[in-house]
């Protein structure tokens, strides 16, 4: 019985890896994810129903997670779409000991406003659990 409880606890703990509220302080970005279920309402886009999450903060618009695939307990692929649906980006999300590495794989670069110009954010970002 104890062994069954331990295995169930590990499964539940493992599933929480990609259900988190994350921040990248260097770029002032916020990533809210639940890659196991479409359970998150994107601010200002509630009419589309729950999604796997979103990226916002110091970026141009809100980027919704339109699809997600958990590869294993530490790696996932997500597809983000801007709030107009005109641009998409595929990202590999990797969980390490205390951070999440967000790496662009394909698609257009997400941009932020600097002064009066749109500037691409880095293709690789480090996110940590929001405190």
Protein backbone atom coordinates (compact mmCIF):
# COMPACT_ATOMS: atom_id res chain seq x y z
CA UNK A 1 0.00 0.00 0.00
CA UNK A 2 2.84 2.40 0.88
CA UNK A 3 4.51 1.73 -2.47
CA UNK A 4 1.31 2.56 -4.36
CA UNK A 5 1.01 5.86 -2.46
CA UNK A 6 4.63 6.73 -3.27
CA UNK A 7 4.12 6.05 -6.98
CA UNK A 8 0.91 8.12 -7.04
CA UNK A 9 2.67 10.97 -5.23
CA UNK A 10 5.48 10.92 -7.80
CA UNK A 11 3.00 11.02 -10.67
CA UNK A 12 1.13 13.96 -9.19
CA UNK A 13 4.39 15.79 -8.38
CA UNK A 14 5.74 15.17 -11.90
CA UNK A 15 2.60 16.55 -13.46
CA UNK A 16 3.03 19.86 -11.66
CA UNK A 17 6.30 20.66 -13.49
CA UNK A 18 4.48 22.42 -16.31
CA UNK A 19 1.72 24.02 -14.28
CA UNK A 20 3.27 27.20 -12.93
CA UNK A 21 3.38 30.97 -12.71
CA UNK A 22 6.80 32.09 -14.00
CA UNK A 23 8.73 35.36 -14.33
CA UNK A 24 11.75 36.53 -16.29
CA UNK A 25 12.93 39.56 -14.32
CA UNK A 26 15.63 40.54 -16.84
CA UNK A 27 13.06 41.08 -19.61
CA UNK A 28 10.07 41.87 -17.34
CA UNK A 29 8.01 38.95 -18.71
CA UNK A 30 5.35 36.80 -17.09
CA UNK A 31 4.50 33.25 -18.26
CA UNK A 32 1.46 31.46 -16.85
CA UNK A 33 1.22 27.80 -17.89
CA UNK A 34 -0.82 24.66 -17.44
CA UNK A 35 0.42 22.38 -20.20
CA UNK A 36 -1.68 19.46 -18.92
CA UNK A 37 -5.11 21.05 -19.40
CA UNK A 38 -6.63 24.12 -20.99
CA UNK A 39 -7.51 25.76 -17.69
CA UNK A 40 -6.20 29.33 -17.89
CA UNK A 41 -8.22 32.32 -19.04
CA UNK A 42 -6.05 34.74 -20.98
CA UNK A 43 -6.65 38.34 -19.81
CA UNK A 44 -8.76 40.19 -22.37
CA UNK A 45 -9.37 37.00 -24.38
CA UNK A 46 -11.84 35.20 -22.14
CA UNK A 47 -14.26 34.85 -25.08
CA UNK A 48 -11.98 32.15 -26.55
CA UNK A 49 -12.27 30.03 -23.39
CA UNK A 50 -9.51 28.52 -21.30
CA UNK A 51 -6.11 27.86 -22.90
CA UNK A 52 -2.80 26.32 -21.81
CA UNK A 53 -1.55 29.75 -20.71
CA UNK A 54 -0.05 33.01 -21.92
CA UNK A 55 2.99 35.28 -22.03
CA UNK A 56 2.70 38.97 -21.23
CA UNK A 57 4.61 41.83 -19.65
CA UNK A 58 7.17 43.85 -21.57
CA UNK A 59 6.09 42.43 -24.95
CA UNK A 60 3.90 43.77 -27.71
CA UNK A 61 0.45 42.36 -26.86
CA UNK A 62 -0.42 39.14 -25.07
CA UNK A 63 0.82 35.85 -26.53
CA UNK A 64 -1.50 32.88 -25.92
CA UNK A 65 -0.36 29.28 -25.77
CA UNK A 66 -2.41 27.70 -28.54
CA UNK A 67 -0.92 24.20 -28.29
CA UNK A 68 1.29 22.31 -25.88
CA UNK A 69 3.03 18.95 -25.88
CA UNK A 70 4.78 17.62 -22.78
CA UNK A 71 7.67 15.50 -24.09
CA UNK A 72 8.87 14.22 -20.72
CA UNK A 73 8.99 15.44 -17.13
CA UNK A 74 11.52 18.18 -17.97
CA UNK A 75 10.78 19.17 -21.58
CA UNK A 76 7.79 20.54 -23.43
CA UNK A 77 7.00 22.22 -26.74
CA UNK A 78 4.54 25.09 -26.86
CA UNK A 79 3.15 27.19 -29.68
CA UNK A 80 2.36 30.81 -28.91
CA UNK A 81 0.21 33.14 -30.98
CA UNK A 82 -0.04 36.90 -30.68
CA UNK A 83 -3.33 38.52 -29.68
CA UNK A 84 -4.24 39.16 -33.32
CA UNK A 85 -3.42 35.60 -34.43
CA UNK A 86 -1.13 36.88 -37.17
CA UNK A 87 2.18 35.66 -35.72
CA UNK A 88 3.19 32.39 -34.06
CA UNK A 89 6.26 31.08 -32.34
CA UNK A 90 7.24 27.56 -31.29
CA UNK A 91 9.19 27.32 -28.05
CA UNK A 92 10.98 24.53 -26.23
CA UNK A 93 10.51 24.84 -22.48
CA UNK A 94 13.05 22.96 -20.35
CA UNK A 95 12.81 22.62 -16.57
CA UNK A 96 16.11 22.50 -14.70
CA UNK A 97 16.68 22.46 -10.94
CA UNK A 98 15.37 25.95 -10.15
CA UNK A 99 14.49 27.52 -13.49
CA UNK A 100 12.76 27.12 -16.82
CA UNK A 101 14.68 27.71 -20.06
CA UNK A 102 12.50 29.21 -22.81
CA UNK A 103 14.11 28.72 -26.25
CA UNK A 104 12.65 29.80 -29.58
CA UNK A 105 12.58 26.90 -32.05
CA UNK A 106 10.57 28.28 -34.96
CA UNK A 107 8.38 31.19 -36.02
CA UNK A 108 8.64 34.94 -35.72
CA UNK A 109 10.42 36.56 -32.81
CA UNK A 110 8.30 38.06 -30.09
CA UNK A 111 8.90 41.79 -29.87
CA UNK A 112 8.87 44.38 -27.13
CA UNK A 113 8.52 48.15 -27.31
CA UNK A 114 11.71 50.11 -26.59
CA UNK A 115 11.18 53.82 -26.96
CA UNK A 116 9.13 54.03 -30.14
CA UNK A 117 10.59 50.93 -31.78
CA UNK A 118 9.76 47.22 -31.76
CA UNK A 119 12.79 45.16 -30.73
CA UNK A 120 13.06 41.35 -30.72
CA UNK A 121 13.33 39.70 -27.33
CA UNK A 122 16.21 37.21 -26.92
CA UNK A 123 15.66 33.73 -28.39
CA UNK A 124 16.65 32.18 -25.06
CA UNK A 125 15.17 33.36 -21.77
CA UNK A 126 15.41 32.15 -18.17
CA UNK A 127 12.19 32.02 -16.16
CA UNK A 128 11.82 31.30 -12.45
CA UNK A 129 8.80 30.56 -10.30
CA UNK A 130 7.05 33.79 -9.38
CA UNK A 131 7.50 34.61 -5.72
